[in-house]
């Protein structure tokens, strides 16, 4: 069982992963998919990193702080890209990414 100190981070990571996966899927259905390419790419990166960090925490990895630092950078990049698009799924994803970036920065400190 992961340390109690990471319970909130685990929840935020999972929410972010789900938001990115939803955004990724919704972006693929947009009329101008080429315009959404960077958003789609970063959604995948972010969802994968959040999932990986979630796994690392659950197995009590000694690299959680370092991984959380990288995850914060990826979440912030994804959030900034999603903010550029008016679609509701992108705006919700941006919000989840920024929340996750902050939680990861706190965990990395």
PDB file of N, CA and C in Angstrom:
ATOM      1  N   UNK A   1       0.845  -1.195   0.000  1.00  0.00           N
ATOM      2  CA  UNK A   1       0.000   0.000   0.000  1.00  0.00           C
ATOM      3  C   UNK A   1       0.884   1.250   0.000  1.00  0.00           C
ATOM      4  N   UNK A   2       0.588   2.200  -0.865  1.00  0.00           N
ATOM      5  CA  UNK A   2       1.414   3.403  -0.936  1.00  0.00           C
ATOM      6  C   UNK A   2       1.335   4.213   0.360  1.00  0.00           C
ATOM      7  N   UNK A   3       2.348   5.009   0.576  1.00  0.00           N
ATOM      8  CA  UNK A   3       2.365   5.852   1.760  1.00  0.00           C
ATOM      9  C   UNK A   3       1.166   6.784   1.772  1.00  0.00           C
ATOM     10  N   UNK A   4       0.635   7.006   2.969  1.00  0.00           N
ATOM     11  CA  UNK A   4      -0.539   7.858   3.138  1.00  0.00           C
ATOM     12  C   UNK A   4      -0.299   9.260   2.575  1.00  0.00           C
ATOM     13  N   UNK A   5       0.957   9.724   2.624  1.00  0.00           N
ATOM     14  CA  UNK A   5       1.280  11.067   2.137  1.00  0.00           C
ATOM     15  C   UNK A   5       0.969  11.239   0.651  1.00  0.00           C
ATOM     16  N   UNK A   6       0.888  10.149  -0.087  1.00  0.00           N
ATOM     17  CA  UNK A   6       0.662  10.235  -1.536  1.00  0.00           C
ATOM     18  C   UNK A   6      -0.786   9.948  -1.947  1.00  0.00           C
ATOM     19  N   UNK A   7      -1.680   9.757  -1.000  1.00  0.00           N
ATOM     20  CA  UNK A   7      -3.062   9.415  -1.344  1.00  0.00           C
ATOM     21  C   UNK A   7      -3.720  10.489  -2.215  1.00  0.00           C
ATOM     22  N   UNK A   8      -3.557  11.755  -1.836  1.00  0.00           N
ATOM     23  CA  UNK A   8      -4.165  12.832  -2.626  1.00  0.00           C
ATOM     24  C   UNK A   8      -3.532  12.907  -4.011  1.00  0.00           C
ATOM     25  N   UNK A   9      -2.211  12.756  -4.076  1.00  0.00           N
ATOM     26  CA  UNK A   9      -1.521  12.782  -5.364  1.00  0.00           C
ATOM     27  C   UNK A   9      -2.020  11.654  -6.266  1.00  0.00           C
ATOM     28  N   UNK A  10      -2.198  10.464  -5.713  1.00  0.00           N
ATOM     29  CA  UNK A  10      -2.713   9.339  -6.505  1.00  0.00           C
ATOM     30  C   UNK A  10      -4.071   9.675  -7.118  1.00  0.00           C
ATOM     31  N   UNK A  11      -4.921  10.286  -6.342  1.00  0.00           N
ATOM     32  CA  UNK A  11      -6.251  10.662  -6.828  1.00  0.00           C
ATOM     33  C   UNK A  11      -6.154  11.699  -7.950  1.00  0.00           C
ATOM     34  N   UNK A  12      -5.318  12.713  -7.753  1.00  0.00           N
ATOM     35  CA  UNK A  12      -5.153  13.780  -8.749  1.00  0.00           C
ATOM     36  C   UNK A  12      -4.529  13.221 -10.034  1.00  0.00           C
ATOM     37  N   UNK A  13      -3.557  12.343  -9.888  1.00  0.00           N
ATOM     38  CA  UNK A  13      -2.938  11.710 -11.061  1.00  0.00           C
ATOM     39  C   UNK A  13      -3.970  10.934 -11.869  1.00  0.00           C
ATOM     40  N   UNK A  14      -4.807  10.188 -11.174  1.00  0.00           N
ATOM     41  CA  UNK A  14      -5.819   9.379 -11.865  1.00  0.00           C
ATOM     42  C   UNK A  14      -6.833  10.275 -12.576  1.00  0.00           C
ATOM     43  N   UNK A  15      -7.250  11.344 -11.926  1.00  0.00           N
ATOM     44  CA  UNK A  15      -8.188  12.288 -12.549  1.00  0.00           C
ATOM     45  C   UNK A  15      -7.572  12.908 -13.804  1.00  0.00           C
ATOM     46  N   UNK A  16      -6.302  13.268 -13.719  1.00  0.00           N
ATOM     47  CA  UNK A  16      -5.624  13.882 -14.861  1.00  0.00           C
ATOM     48  C   UNK A  16      -5.505  12.883 -16.011  1.00  0.00           C
ATOM     49  N   UNK A  17      -5.121  11.658 -15.683  1.00  0.00           N
ATOM     50  CA  UNK A  17      -5.010  10.625 -16.716  1.00  0.00           C
ATOM     51  C   UNK A  17      -6.349  10.442 -17.431  1.00  0.00           C
ATOM     52  N   UNK A  18      -7.433  10.371 -16.668  1.00  0.00           N
ATOM     53  CA  UNK A  18      -8.760  10.200 -17.271  1.00  0.00           C
ATOM     54  C   UNK A  18      -9.136  11.405 -18.128  1.00  0.00           C
ATOM     55  N   UNK A  19      -8.845  12.616 -17.653  1.00  0.00           N
ATOM     56  CA  UNK A  19      -9.165  13.827 -18.425  1.00  0.00           C
ATOM     57  C   UNK A  19      -8.378  13.859 -19.729  1.00  0.00           C
ATOM     58  N   UNK A  20      -7.100  13.479 -19.658  1.00  0.00           N
ATOM     59  CA  UNK A  20      -6.268  13.463 -20.872  1.00  0.00           C
ATOM     60  C   UNK A  20      -6.739  12.394 -21.858  1.00  0.00           C
ATOM     61  N   UNK A  21      -7.109  11.233 -21.355  1.00  0.00           N
ATOM     62  CA  UNK A  21      -7.613  10.184 -22.244  1.00  0.00           C
ATOM     63  C   UNK A  21      -8.921  10.607 -22.903  1.00  0.00           C
ATOM     64  N   UNK A  22      -9.787  11.266 -22.145  1.00  0.00           N
ATOM     65  CA  UNK A  22     -11.051  11.743 -22.714  1.00  0.00           C
ATOM     66  C   UNK A  22     -10.774  12.821 -23.766  1.00  0.00           C
ATOM     67  N   UNK A  23      -9.880  13.758 -23.444  1.00  0.00           N
ATOM     68  CA  UNK A  23      -9.549  14.837 -24.372  1.00  0.00           C
ATOM     69  C   UNK A  23      -8.933  14.275 -25.655  1.00  0.00           C
ATOM     70  N   UNK A  24      -8.011  13.340 -25.498  1.00  0.00           N
ATOM     71  CA  UNK A  24      -7.374  12.672 -26.637  1.00  0.00           C
ATOM     72  C   UNK A  24      -8.432  12.087 -27.576  1.00  0.00           C
ATOM     73  N   UNK A  25      -9.365  11.338 -27.008  1.00  0.00           N
ATOM     74  CA  UNK A  25     -10.419  10.693 -27.786  1.00  0.00           C
ATOM     75  C   UNK A  25     -11.328  11.728 -28.451  1.00  0.00           C
ATOM     76  N   UNK A  26     -11.694  12.751 -27.689  1.00  0.00           N
ATOM     77  CA  UNK A  26     -12.577  13.794 -28.230  1.00  0.00           C
ATOM     78  C   UNK A  26     -11.877  14.601 -29.324  1.00  0.00           C
ATOM     79  N   UNK A  27     -10.593  14.876 -29.155  1.00  0.00           N
ATOM     80  CA  UNK A  27      -9.837  15.624 -30.165  1.00  0.00           C
ATOM     81  C   UNK A  27      -9.787  14.869 -31.494  1.00  0.00           C
ATOM     82  N   UNK A  28      -9.694  13.555 -31.419  1.00  0.00           N
ATOM     83  CA  UNK A  28      -9.666  12.750 -32.639  1.00  0.00           C
ATOM     84  C   UNK A  28     -10.969  12.852 -33.428  1.00  0.00           C
ATOM     85  N   UNK A  29     -12.035  13.251 -32.749  1.00  0.00           N
ATOM     86  CA  UNK A  29     -13.347  13.372 -33.391  1.00  0.00           C
ATOM     87  C   UNK A  29     -13.642  14.793 -33.860  1.00  0.00           C
ATOM     88  N   UNK A  30     -12.733  15.720 -33.584  1.00  0.00           N
ATOM     89  CA  UNK A  30     -12.939  17.105 -34.016  1.00  0.00           C
ATOM     90  C   UNK A  30     -12.810  17.207 -35.529  1.00  0.00           C
ATOM     91  N   UNK A  31     -13.460  18.231 -36.086  1.00  0.00           N
ATOM     92  CA  UNK A  31     -13.479  18.419 -37.531  1.00  0.00           C
ATOM     93  C   UNK A  31     -12.071  18.624 -38.093  1.00  0.00           C
ATOM     94  N   UNK A  32     -11.284  19.488 -37.438  1.00  0.00           N
ATOM     95  CA  UNK A  32      -9.933  19.775 -37.915  1.00  0.00           C
ATOM     96  C   UNK A  32      -8.927  19.060 -37.009  1.00  0.00           C
ATOM     97  N   UNK A  33      -8.739  17.771 -37.246  1.00  0.00           N
ATOM     98  CA  UNK A  33      -7.862  16.957 -36.407  1.00  0.00           C
ATOM     99  C   UNK A  33      -6.412  17.447 -36.482  1.00  0.00           C
ATOM    100  N   UNK A  34      -5.992  17.932 -37.668  1.00  0.00           N
ATOM    101  CA  UNK A  34      -4.617  18.426 -37.808  1.00  0.00           C
ATOM    102  C   UNK A  34      -4.351  19.578 -36.852  1.00  0.00           C
ATOM    103  N   UNK A  35      -5.348  20.436 -36.654  1.00  0.00           N
ATOM    104  CA  UNK A  35      -5.195  21.560 -35.741  1.00  0.00           C
ATOM    105  C   UNK A  35      -5.031  21.064 -34.295  1.00  0.00           C
ATOM    106  N   UNK A  36      -5.534  19.871 -34.007  1.00  0.00           N
ATOM    107  CA  UNK A  36      -5.508  19.323 -32.655  1.00  0.00           C
ATOM    108  C   UNK A  36      -4.303  18.409 -32.424  1.00  0.00           C
ATOM    109  N   UNK A  37      -3.414  18.286 -33.404  1.00  0.00           N
ATOM    110  CA  UNK A  37      -2.316  17.316 -33.337  1.00  0.00           C
ATOM    111  C   UNK A  37      -1.454  17.467 -32.086  1.00  0.00           C
ATOM    112  N   UNK A  38      -1.052  18.684 -31.759  1.00  0.00           N
ATOM    113  CA  UNK A  38      -0.188  18.890 -30.594  1.00  0.00           C
ATOM    114  C   UNK A  38      -0.950  18.581 -29.304  1.00  0.00           C
ATOM    115  N   UNK A  39      -2.204  18.919 -29.271  1.00  0.00           N
ATOM    116  CA  UNK A  39      -3.048  18.616 -28.108  1.00  0.00           C
ATOM    117  C   UNK A  39      -3.148  17.099 -27.922  1.00  0.00           C
ATOM    118  N   UNK A  40      -3.386  16.395 -28.997  1.00  0.00           N
ATOM    119  CA  UNK A  40      -3.496  14.938 -28.956  1.00  0.00           C
ATOM    120  C   UNK A  40      -2.178  14.320 -28.481  1.00  0.00           C
ATOM    121  N   UNK A  41      -1.069  14.794 -29.034  1.00  0.00           N
ATOM    122  CA  UNK A  41       0.242  14.261 -28.663  1.00  0.00           C
ATOM    123  C   UNK A  41       0.521  14.465 -27.175  1.00  0.00           C
ATOM    124  N   UNK A  42       0.260  15.674 -26.679  1.00  0.00           N
ATOM    125  CA  UNK A  42       0.522  15.964 -25.270  1.00  0.00           C
ATOM    126  C   UNK A  42      -0.469  15.253 -24.351  1.00  0.00           C
ATOM    127  N   UNK A  43      -1.708  15.064 -24.802  1.00  0.00           N
ATOM    128  CA  UNK A  43      -2.670  14.274 -24.016  1.00  0.00           C
ATOM    129  C   UNK A  43      -2.116  12.872 -23.770  1.00  0.00           C
ATOM    130  N   UNK A  44      -1.555  12.267 -24.810  1.00  0.00           N
ATOM    131  CA  UNK A  44      -0.997  10.913 -24.671  1.00  0.00           C
ATOM    132  C   UNK A  44       0.197  10.912 -23.715  1.00  0.00           C
ATOM    133  N   UNK A  45       1.105  11.863 -23.915  1.00  0.00           N
ATOM    134  CA  UNK A  45       2.284  11.961 -23.046  1.00  0.00           C
ATOM    135  C   UNK A  45       1.866  12.101 -21.589  1.00  0.00           C
ATOM    136  N   UNK A  46       0.929  12.993 -21.356  1.00  0.00           N
ATOM    137  CA  UNK A  46       0.505  13.297 -19.996  1.00  0.00           C
ATOM    138  C   UNK A  46      -0.218  12.107 -19.358  1.00  0.00           C
ATOM    139  N   UNK A  47      -1.129  11.506 -20.084  1.00  0.00           N
ATOM    140  CA  UNK A  47      -1.853  10.345 -19.548  1.00  0.00           C
ATOM    141  C   UNK A  47      -0.888   9.213 -19.217  1.00  0.00           C
ATOM    142  N   UNK A  48       0.060   8.964 -20.107  1.00  0.00           N
ATOM    143  CA  UNK A  48       1.037   7.898 -19.872  1.00  0.00           C
ATOM    144  C   UNK A  48       1.913   8.203 -18.658  1.00  0.00           C
ATOM    145  N   UNK A  49       2.362   9.452 -18.528  1.00  0.00           N
ATOM    146  CA  UNK A  49       3.237   9.809 -17.401  1.00  0.00           C
ATOM    147  C   UNK A  49       2.469   9.740 -16.086  1.00  0.00           C
ATOM    148  N   UNK A  50       1.239  10.216 -16.073  1.00  0.00           N
ATOM    149  CA  UNK A  50       0.432  10.153 -14.851  1.00  0.00           C
ATOM    150  C   UNK A  50       0.215   8.701 -14.434  1.00  0.00           C
ATOM    151  N   UNK A  51      -0.063   7.854 -15.394  1.00  0.00           N
ATOM    152  CA  UNK A  51      -0.268   6.437 -15.119  1.00  0.00           C
ATOM    153  C   UNK A  51       1.015   5.806 -14.583  1.00  0.00           C
ATOM    154  N   UNK A  52       2.140   6.180 -15.180  1.00  0.00           N
ATOM    155  CA  UNK A  52       3.421   5.624 -14.741  1.00  0.00           C
ATOM    156  C   UNK A  52       3.752   6.070 -13.316  1.00  0.00           C
ATOM    157  N   UNK A  53       3.540   7.345 -13.031  1.00  0.00           N
ATOM    158  CA  UNK A  53       3.828   7.851 -11.692  1.00  0.00           C
ATOM    159  C   UNK A  53       2.909   7.195 -10.661  1.00  0.00           C
ATOM    160  N   UNK A  54       1.663   6.993 -11.042  1.00  0.00           N
ATOM    161  CA  UNK A  54       0.714   6.298 -10.166  1.00  0.00           C
ATOM    162  C   UNK A  54       1.252   4.900  -9.823  1.00  0.00           C
ATOM    163  N   UNK A  55       1.748   4.183 -10.820  1.00  0.00           N
ATOM    164  CA  UNK A  55       2.326   2.850 -10.610  1.00  0.00           C
ATOM    165  C   UNK A  55       3.580   2.921  -9.745  1.00  0.00           C
ATOM    166  N   UNK A  56       4.423   3.911 -10.005  1.00  0.00           N
ATOM    167  CA  UNK A  56       5.663   4.055  -9.242  1.00  0.00           C
ATOM    168  C   UNK A  56       5.370   4.298  -7.761  1.00  0.00           C
ATOM    169  N   UNK A  57       4.378   5.118  -7.491  1.00  0.00           N
ATOM    170  CA  UNK A  57       4.001   5.393  -6.098  1.00  0.00           C
ATOM    171  C   UNK A  57       3.487   4.123  -5.441  1.00  0.00           C
ATOM    172  N   UNK A  58       2.660   3.385  -6.166  1.00  0.00           N
ATOM    173  CA  UNK A  58       2.051   2.186  -5.581  1.00  0.00           C
ATOM    174  C   UNK A  58       3.071   1.100  -5.273  1.00  0.00           C
ATOM    175  N   UNK A  59       4.217   1.118  -5.983  1.00  0.00           N
ATOM    176  CA  UNK A  59       5.244   0.107  -5.700  1.00  0.00           C
ATOM    177  C   UNK A  59       6.359   0.677  -4.832  1.00  0.00           C
ATOM    178  N   UNK A  60       6.120   1.896  -4.297  1.00  0.00           N
ATOM    179  CA  UNK A  60       7.048   2.549  -3.376  1.00  0.00           C
ATOM    180  C   UNK A  60       8.419   2.770  -4.023  1.00  0.00           C
ATOM    181  N   UNK A  61       8.414   3.243  -5.259  1.00  0.00           N
ATOM    182  CA  UNK A  61       9.649   3.513  -5.988  1.00  0.00           C
ATOM    183  C   UNK A  61      10.478   4.571  -5.260  1.00  0.00           C
ATOM    184  N   UNK A  62      11.799   4.402  -5.267  1.00  0.00           N
ATOM    185  CA  UNK A  62      12.653   5.422  -4.662  1.00  0.00           C
ATOM    186  C   UNK A  62      12.801   6.670  -5.550  1.00  0.00           C
ATOM    187  N   UNK A  63      12.201   6.651  -6.729  1.00  0.00           N
ATOM    188  CA  UNK A  63      12.331   7.750  -7.681  1.00  0.00           C
ATOM    189  C   UNK A  63      11.073   8.611  -7.794  1.00  0.00           C
ATOM    190  N   UNK A  64      10.175   8.508  -6.833  1.00  0.00           N
ATOM    191  CA  UNK A  64       8.906   9.245  -6.907  1.00  0.00           C
ATOM    192  C   UNK A  64       9.134  10.745  -7.062  1.00  0.00           C
ATOM    193  N   UNK A  65      10.033  11.328  -6.287  1.00  0.00           N
ATOM    194  CA  UNK A  65      10.264  12.779  -6.366  1.00  0.00           C
ATOM    195  C   UNK A  65      10.749  13.191  -7.757  1.00  0.00           C
ATOM    196  N   UNK A  66      11.694  12.445  -8.313  1.00  0.00           N
ATOM    197  CA  UNK A  66      12.216  12.772  -9.642  1.00  0.00           C
ATOM    198  C   UNK A  66      11.132  12.612 -10.709  1.00  0.00           C
ATOM    199  N   UNK A  67      10.371  11.528 -10.620  1.00  0.00           N
ATOM    200  CA  UNK A  67       9.290  11.294 -11.589  1.00  0.00           C
ATOM    201  C   UNK A  67       8.206  12.364 -11.461  1.00  0.00           C
ATOM    202  N   UNK A  68       7.921  12.778 -10.232  1.00  0.00           N
ATOM    203  CA  UNK A  68       6.908  13.811 -10.013  1.00  0.00           C
ATOM    204  C   UNK A  68       7.336  15.132 -10.646  1.00  0.00           C
ATOM    205  N   UNK A  69       8.632  15.427 -10.605  1.00  0.00           N
ATOM    206  CA  UNK A  69       9.143  16.653 -11.233  1.00  0.00           C
ATOM    207  C   UNK A  69       8.905  16.615 -12.742  1.00  0.00           C
ATOM    208  N   UNK A  70       9.230  15.504 -13.369  1.00  0.00           N
ATOM    209  CA  UNK A  70       9.013  15.347 -14.812  1.00  0.00           C
ATOM    210  C   UNK A  70       7.520  15.384 -15.126  1.00  0.00           C
ATOM    211  N   UNK A  71       6.730  14.703 -14.311  1.00  0.00           N
ATOM    212  CA  UNK A  71       5.279  14.679 -14.521  1.00  0.00           C
ATOM    213  C   UNK A  71       4.695  16.096 -14.457  1.00  0.00           C
ATOM    214  N   UNK A  72       5.181  16.909 -13.518  1.00  0.00           N
ATOM    215  CA  UNK A  72       4.701  18.293 -13.405  1.00  0.00           C
ATOM    216  C   UNK A  72       4.969  19.065 -14.697  1.00  0.00           C
ATOM    217  N   UNK A  73       6.156  18.879 -15.269  1.00  0.00           N
ATOM    218  CA  UNK A  73       6.512  19.570 -16.514  1.00  0.00           C
ATOM    219  C   UNK A  73       5.599  19.137 -17.659  1.00  0.00           C
ATOM    220  N   UNK A  74       5.344  17.845 -17.757  1.00  0.00           N
ATOM    221  CA  UNK A  74       4.495  17.319 -18.830  1.00  0.00           C
ATOM    222  C   UNK A  74       3.051  17.782 -18.646  1.00  0.00           C
ATOM    223  N   UNK A  75       2.561  17.720 -17.411  1.00  0.00           N
ATOM    224  CA  UNK A  75       1.185  18.170 -17.132  1.00  0.00           C
ATOM    225  C   UNK A  75       1.015  19.648 -17.483  1.00  0.00           C
ATOM    226  N   UNK A  76       2.013  20.453 -17.126  1.00  0.00           N
ATOM    227  CA  UNK A  76       1.932  21.883 -17.413  1.00  0.00           C
ATOM    228  C   UNK A  76       1.935  22.140 -18.919  1.00  0.00           C
ATOM    229  N   UNK A  77       2.779  21.423 -19.646  1.00  0.00           N
ATOM    230  CA  UNK A  77       2.822  21.577 -21.109  1.00  0.00           C
ATOM    231  C   UNK A  77       1.491  21.178 -21.727  1.00  0.00           C
ATOM    232  N   UNK A  78       0.920  20.081 -21.256  1.00  0.00           N
ATOM    233  CA  UNK A  78      -0.364  19.628 -21.780  1.00  0.00           C
ATOM    234  C   UNK A  78      -1.467  20.636 -21.437  1.00  0.00           C
ATOM    235  N   UNK A  79      -1.464  21.097 -20.199  1.00  0.00           N
ATOM    236  CA  UNK A  79      -2.462  22.087 -19.778  1.00  0.00           C
ATOM    237  C   UNK A  79      -2.380  23.367 -20.589  1.00  0.00           C
ATOM    238  N   UNK A  80      -1.170  23.836 -20.838  1.00  0.00           N
ATOM    239  CA  UNK A  80      -0.997  25.063 -21.630  1.00  0.00           C
ATOM    240  C   UNK A  80      -1.485  24.886 -23.060  1.00  0.00           C
ATOM    241  N   UNK A  81      -1.246  23.709 -23.640  1.00  0.00           N
ATOM    242  CA  UNK A  81      -1.735  23.437 -24.996  1.00  0.00           C
ATOM    243  C   UNK A  81      -3.258  23.351 -25.007  1.00  0.00           C
ATOM    244  N   UNK A  82      -3.818  22.634 -24.057  1.00  0.00           N
ATOM    245  CA  UNK A  82      -5.278  22.477 -24.018  1.00  0.00           C
ATOM    246  C   UNK A  82      -5.993  23.812 -23.823  1.00  0.00           C
ATOM    247  N   UNK A  83      -5.374  24.718 -23.060  1.00  0.00           N
ATOM    248  CA  UNK A  83      -5.967  26.046 -22.819  1.00  0.00           C
ATOM    249  C   UNK A  83      -6.177  26.817 -24.120  1.00  0.00           C
ATOM    250  N   UNK A  84      -5.383  26.500 -25.134  1.00  0.00           N
ATOM    251  CA  UNK A  84      -5.465  27.211 -26.413  1.00  0.00           C
ATOM    252  C   UNK A  84      -6.732  26.885 -27.190  1.00  0.00           C
ATOM    253  N   UNK A  85      -7.414  25.821 -26.823  1.00  0.00           N
ATOM    254  CA  UNK A  85      -8.576  25.354 -27.576  1.00  0.00           C
ATOM    255  C   UNK A  85      -9.861  25.589 -26.778  1.00  0.00           C
ATOM    256  N   UNK A  86     -10.897  26.023 -27.465  1.00  0.00           N
ATOM    257  CA  UNK A  86     -12.157  26.375 -26.806  1.00  0.00           C
ATOM    258  C   UNK A  86     -13.047  25.187 -26.473  1.00  0.00           C
ATOM    259  N   UNK A  87     -12.713  24.018 -26.971  1.00  0.00           N
ATOM    260  CA  UNK A  87     -13.551  22.844 -26.724  1.00  0.00           C
ATOM    261  C   UNK A  87     -13.646  22.574 -25.223  1.00  0.00           C
ATOM    262  N   UNK A  88     -14.836  22.174 -24.779  1.00  0.00           N
ATOM    263  CA  UNK A  88     -15.047  21.916 -23.354  1.00  0.00           C
ATOM    264  C   UNK A  88     -14.089  20.838 -22.833  1.00  0.00           C
ATOM    265  N   UNK A  89     -13.881  19.783 -23.631  1.00  0.00           N
ATOM    266  CA  UNK A  89     -12.990  18.712 -23.187  1.00  0.00           C
ATOM    267  C   UNK A  89     -11.562  19.218 -23.004  1.00  0.00           C
ATOM    268  N   UNK A  90     -11.125  20.144 -23.830  1.00  0.00           N
ATOM    269  CA  UNK A  90      -9.782  20.714 -23.694  1.00  0.00           C
ATOM    270  C   UNK A  90      -9.687  21.595 -22.449  1.00  0.00           C
ATOM    271  N   UNK A  91     -10.720  22.384 -22.198  1.00  0.00           N
ATOM    272  CA  UNK A  91     -10.701  23.255 -21.021  1.00  0.00           C
ATOM    273  C   UNK A  91     -10.711  22.442 -19.726  1.00  0.00           C
ATOM    274  N   UNK A  92     -11.497  21.373 -19.693  1.00  0.00           N
ATOM    275  CA  UNK A  92     -11.530  20.510 -18.508  1.00  0.00           C
ATOM    276  C   UNK A  92     -10.192  19.795 -18.327  1.00  0.00           C
ATOM    277  N   UNK A  93      -9.595  19.387 -19.420  1.00  0.00           N
ATOM    278  CA  UNK A  93      -8.297  18.725 -19.377  1.00  0.00           C
ATOM    279  C   UNK A  93      -7.234  19.698 -18.871  1.00  0.00           C
ATOM    280  N   UNK A  94      -7.258  20.925 -19.358  1.00  0.00           N
ATOM    281  CA  UNK A  94      -6.292  21.939 -18.914  1.00  0.00           C
ATOM    282  C   UNK A  94      -6.383  22.136 -17.404  1.00  0.00           C
ATOM    283  N   UNK A  95      -7.592  22.191 -16.898  1.00  0.00           N
ATOM    284  CA  UNK A  95      -7.806  22.373 -15.459  1.00  0.00           C
ATOM    285  C   UNK A  95      -7.225  21.188 -14.671  1.00  0.00           C
ATOM    286  N   UNK A  96      -7.495  19.966 -15.128  1.00  0.00           N
ATOM    287  CA  UNK A  96      -6.984  18.767 -14.454  1.00  0.00           C
ATOM    288  C   UNK A  96      -5.459  18.725 -14.518  1.00  0.00           C
ATOM    289  N   UNK A  97      -4.894  19.117 -15.661  1.00  0.00           N
ATOM    290  CA  UNK A  97      -3.442  19.103 -15.826  1.00  0.00           C
ATOM    291  C   UNK A  97      -2.765  20.104 -14.892  1.00  0.00           C
ATOM    292  N   UNK A  98      -3.321  21.286 -14.773  1.00  0.00           N
ATOM    293  CA  UNK A  98      -2.707  22.298 -13.909  1.00  0.00           C
ATOM    294  C   UNK A  98      -2.791  21.889 -12.442  1.00  0.00           C
ATOM    295  N   UNK A  99      -3.912  21.299 -12.074  1.00  0.00           N
ATOM    296  CA  UNK A  99      -4.066  20.800 -10.702  1.00  0.00           C
ATOM    297  C   UNK A  99      -3.040  19.695 -10.432  1.00  0.00           C
ATOM    298  N   UNK A 100      -2.849  18.822 -11.388  1.00  0.00           N
ATOM    299  CA  UNK A 100      -1.911  17.722 -11.255  1.00  0.00           C
ATOM    300  C   UNK A 100      -0.470  18.239 -11.235  1.00  0.00           C
ATOM    301  N   UNK A 101      -0.161  19.212 -12.070  1.00  0.00           N
ATOM    302  CA  UNK A 101       1.187  19.794 -12.092  1.00  0.00           C
ATOM    303  C   UNK A 101       1.550  20.363 -10.730  1.00  0.00           C
ATOM    304  N   UNK A 102       0.614  21.042 -10.107  1.00  0.00           N
ATOM    305  CA  UNK A 102       0.850  21.622  -8.778  1.00  0.00           C
ATOM    306  C   UNK A 102       1.067  20.514  -7.734  1.00  0.00           C
ATOM    307  N   UNK A 103       0.238  19.483  -7.774  1.00  0.00           N
ATOM    308  CA  UNK A 103       0.377  18.375  -6.825  1.00  0.00           C
ATOM    309  C   UNK A 103       1.713  17.660  -7.027  1.00  0.00           C
ATOM    310  N   UNK A 104       2.126  17.504  -8.281  1.00  0.00           N
ATOM    311  CA  UNK A 104       3.407  16.849  -8.560  1.00  0.00           C
ATOM    312  C   UNK A 104       4.576  17.705  -8.094  1.00  0.00           C
ATOM    313  N   UNK A 105       4.487  19.005  -8.296  1.00  0.00           N
ATOM    314  CA  UNK A 105       5.561  19.897  -7.811  1.00  0.00           C
ATOM    315  C   UNK A 105       5.684  19.792  -6.293  1.00  0.00           C
ATOM    316  N   UNK A 106       4.560  19.746  -5.602  1.00  0.00           N
ATOM    317  CA  UNK A 106       4.576  19.604  -4.145  1.00  0.00           C
ATOM    318  C   UNK A 106       5.224  18.291  -3.731  1.00  0.00           C
ATOM    319  N   UNK A 107       4.937  17.223  -4.458  1.00  0.00           N
ATOM    320  CA  UNK A 107       5.508  15.905  -4.147  1.00  0.00           C
ATOM    321  C   UNK A 107       6.999  15.857  -4.444  1.00  0.00           C
ATOM    322  N   UNK A 108       7.423  16.626  -5.427  1.00  0.00           N
ATOM    323  CA  UNK A 108       8.839  16.640  -5.814  1.00  0.00           C
ATOM    324  C   UNK A 108       9.687  17.463  -4.856  1.00  0.00           C
ATOM    325  N   UNK A 109       9.041  18.359  -4.138  1.00  0.00           N
ATOM    326  CA  UNK A 109       9.777  19.276  -3.224  1.00  0.00           C
ATOM    327  C   UNK A 109      10.335  18.556  -2.022  1.00  0.00           C
TER     328      UNK A 109
END
